[in-house]
Amino acid sequence: PEGGVAKGVIITQGGEVGGWTLYAKDGKLKYCYNFFGIEYYMTEANTPIPAGKHQVRMEFKYGGGLAKGGDITLYYDGKPVGKGRVEKSIPMGFSADEACDVGADTGSPASTDYGPTGNAFSGEIHWVQIDTGKDDHDHLITPEERFNLAMARQ
């Protein structure tokens, strides 16, 4: 925001028992990958988000196998501003009762950096895009596992 410090959730998936969130804290872009509420992998930008209209982006380069983690890169306007690593990733779905939220985390918090309320983004979000890339990881789970996951979500 003009004349202010960016803070709050941009997008989140899951919650305190597993998920991820992209947000701003103390003016900097941050990403937290929550591994079942046991381990939190944090990646933070080196510099604050400048005031005004900008594209902020996070890329997760998958580690090459089920639950193998991945490399994180944060960007402002296409320029890398932070790097990190998620050592372990959740092998299937994040949660049966948590949503994917934009602009605030309306369920349990996916990061320990913010609480269950008062976490709305202080700027303006024009749009969010989730791109799964070209890689198709369906071969990593059996049809039976895929069916069990689908049944658990009902």
Protein backbone atom coordinates (compact mmCIF):
# COMPACT_ATOMS: atom_id res chain seq x y z
CA PRO A 1 0.00 0.00 0.00
CA GLU A 2 1.06 3.60 -0.64
CA GLY A 3 2.53 5.11 2.54
CA GLY A 4 2.30 1.84 4.47
CA VAL A 5 3.98 -1.48 5.08
CA ALA A 6 2.62 -4.54 3.31
CA LYS A 7 1.35 -7.19 5.68
CA GLY A 8 -1.10 -10.06 5.65
CA VAL A 9 -2.09 -13.11 3.65
CA ILE A 10 -2.12 -13.07 -0.14
CA ILE A 11 -3.11 -16.74 -0.59
CA THR A 12 -3.20 -19.79 1.62
CA GLN A 13 -4.11 -23.47 1.27
CA GLY A 14 -4.67 -25.69 4.29
CA GLY A 15 -4.09 -24.67 7.88
CA GLU A 16 -2.28 -25.39 11.12
CA VAL A 17 -2.14 -29.15 10.55
CA GLY A 18 -0.64 -28.80 7.07
CA GLY A 19 -0.61 -26.42 4.14
CA TRP A 20 1.14 -23.40 2.72
CA THR A 21 0.76 -19.65 2.62
CA LEU A 22 2.16 -16.70 0.67
CA TYR A 23 1.97 -13.48 2.69
CA ALA A 24 3.71 -10.27 3.67
CA LYS A 25 5.29 -9.64 7.05
CA ASP A 26 7.18 -6.49 8.03
CA GLY A 27 6.84 -5.37 4.40
CA LYS A 28 8.57 -8.45 2.94
CA LEU A 29 7.09 -11.30 0.92
CA LYS A 30 7.17 -14.61 2.79
CA TYR A 31 6.25 -18.19 2.04
CA CYS A 32 5.61 -20.82 4.69
CA TYR A 33 5.20 -24.53 4.00
CA ASN A 34 3.63 -26.20 7.01
CA PHE A 35 4.50 -29.91 7.21
CA PHE A 36 1.69 -31.35 9.36
CA GLY A 37 2.21 -28.68 12.05
CA ILE A 38 5.52 -30.39 12.90
CA GLU A 39 7.97 -28.48 10.73
CA TYR A 40 7.64 -25.03 9.15
CA TYR A 41 9.79 -24.17 6.14
CA MET A 42 10.03 -20.39 5.79
CA THR A 43 11.35 -18.41 2.84
CA GLU A 44 11.61 -14.62 3.08
CA ALA A 45 12.42 -11.94 0.50
CA ASN A 46 15.65 -10.01 0.97
CA THR A 47 13.96 -6.64 0.50
CA PRO A 48 10.53 -5.11 1.26
CA ILE A 49 7.79 -5.03 -1.35
CA PRO A 50 7.92 -1.52 -2.88
CA ALA A 51 4.83 0.65 -2.58
CA GLY A 52 2.59 0.68 -5.63
CA LYS A 53 1.38 -1.91 -8.10
CA HIS A 54 3.67 -4.97 -8.42
CA GLN A 55 3.59 -8.62 -9.32
CA VAL A 56 4.70 -10.84 -6.46
CA ARG A 57 5.30 -14.49 -7.23
CA MET A 58 6.39 -17.70 -5.59
CA GLU A 59 7.67 -20.72 -7.48
CA PHE A 60 7.90 -24.20 -6.01
CA LYS A 61 10.21 -26.47 -8.00
CA TYR A 62 9.11 -29.95 -6.99
CA GLY A 63 11.82 -32.25 -5.60
CA GLY A 64 11.23 -35.17 -7.96
CA GLY A 65 9.08 -37.59 -6.03
CA LEU A 66 6.21 -37.99 -3.62
CA ALA A 67 6.93 -36.04 -0.39
CA LYS A 68 10.42 -35.02 -1.57
CA GLY A 69 9.95 -31.28 -0.99
CA GLY A 70 11.22 -28.66 -3.39
CA ASP A 71 13.05 -25.39 -3.97
CA ILE A 72 11.31 -22.06 -3.38
CA THR A 73 12.00 -18.79 -5.22
CA LEU A 74 10.24 -15.50 -4.44
CA TYR A 75 9.95 -12.73 -7.05
CA TYR A 76 8.98 -9.07 -7.34
CA ASP A 77 8.12 -8.06 -10.90
CA GLY A 78 9.98 -11.08 -12.32
CA LYS A 79 13.20 -10.51 -10.34
CA PRO A 80 14.25 -13.08 -7.71
CA VAL A 81 14.27 -11.64 -4.18
CA GLY A 82 14.52 -14.76 -2.01
CA LYS A 83 15.27 -18.48 -2.10
CA GLY A 84 14.55 -21.36 0.25
CA ARG A 85 14.02 -25.09 0.49
CA VAL A 86 11.16 -27.30 1.66
CA GLU A 87 12.81 -30.55 2.76
CA LYS A 88 9.62 -32.63 3.08
CA SER A 89 6.23 -32.10 1.48
CA ILE A 90 2.86 -33.55 2.34
CA PRO A 91 2.29 -36.50 -0.01
CA MET A 92 -1.45 -36.09 -0.68
CA GLY A 93 -4.12 -33.50 0.18
CA PHE A 94 -3.59 -30.80 2.78
CA SER A 95 -6.89 -30.81 4.64
CA ALA A 96 -10.43 -32.07 4.46
CA ASP A 97 -11.88 -28.94 6.07
CA GLU A 98 -9.59 -25.98 5.22
CA ALA A 99 -10.12 -23.79 2.18
CA CYS A 100 -7.92 -22.03 -0.33
CA ASP A 101 -8.26 -18.38 0.70
CA VAL A 102 -7.21 -15.19 -1.06
CA GLY A 103 -6.66 -11.96 0.90
CA ALA A 104 -6.88 -13.51 4.38
CA ASP A 105 -6.57 -16.88 6.10
CA THR A 106 -10.14 -17.58 7.24
CA GLY A 107 -9.42 -20.98 8.80
CA SER A 108 -6.68 -22.02 11.17
CA PRO A 109 -3.40 -20.25 10.37
CA ALA A 110 -1.02 -22.09 8.03
CA SER A 111 1.95 -20.10 9.41
CA THR A 112 3.08 -19.32 12.95
CA ASP A 113 3.79 -15.75 11.77
CA TYR A 114 0.14 -14.70 12.06
CA GLY A 115 -2.92 -15.60 14.08
CA PRO A 116 -6.41 -16.84 13.20
CA THR A 117 -7.74 -13.26 12.91
CA GLY A 118 -6.36 -9.91 11.80
CA ASN A 119 -4.34 -11.46 8.96
CA ALA A 120 -6.00 -9.72 5.98
CA PHE A 121 -3.67 -8.33 3.34
CA SER A 122 -3.11 -4.58 3.76
CA GLY A 123 -2.77 -3.86 0.04
CA GLU A 124 -4.93 -4.62 -2.96
CA ILE A 125 -4.92 -7.99 -4.74
CA HIS A 126 -6.01 -7.81 -8.37
CA TRP A 127 -5.74 -11.52 -9.14
CA VAL A 128 -4.04 -14.75 -8.11
CA GLN A 129 -2.91 -17.48 -10.48
CA ILE A 130 -1.94 -21.01 -9.54
CA ASP A 131 -0.08 -22.82 -12.28
CA THR A 132 0.86 -26.46 -11.81
CA GLY A 133 3.29 -26.37 -14.72
CA LYS A 134 3.84 -29.04 -17.33
CA ASP A 135 4.78 -31.87 -14.98
CA ASP A 136 2.06 -34.42 -14.34
CA HIS A 137 2.65 -36.21 -11.05
CA ASP A 138 -0.38 -38.50 -11.26
CA HIS A 139 1.94 -41.43 -11.90
CA LEU A 140 3.26 -41.12 -8.34
CA ILE A 141 0.04 -42.43 -6.78
CA THR A 142 -1.94 -45.53 -7.60
CA PRO A 143 -5.53 -45.39 -8.85
CA GLU A 144 -6.62 -46.83 -5.48
CA GLU A 145 -4.82 -44.02 -3.59
CA ARG A 146 -6.44 -41.44 -5.90
CA PHE A 147 -9.87 -42.98 -5.23
CA ASN A 148 -9.29 -43.02 -1.45
CA LEU A 149 -8.28 -39.34 -1.54
CA ALA A 150 -11.37 -38.43 -3.56
CA MET A 151 -13.62 -40.33 -1.12
CA ALA A 152 -12.01 -38.62 1.88
CA ARG A 153 -12.91 -35.20 0.43
CA GLN A 154 -16.63 -35.96 0.21
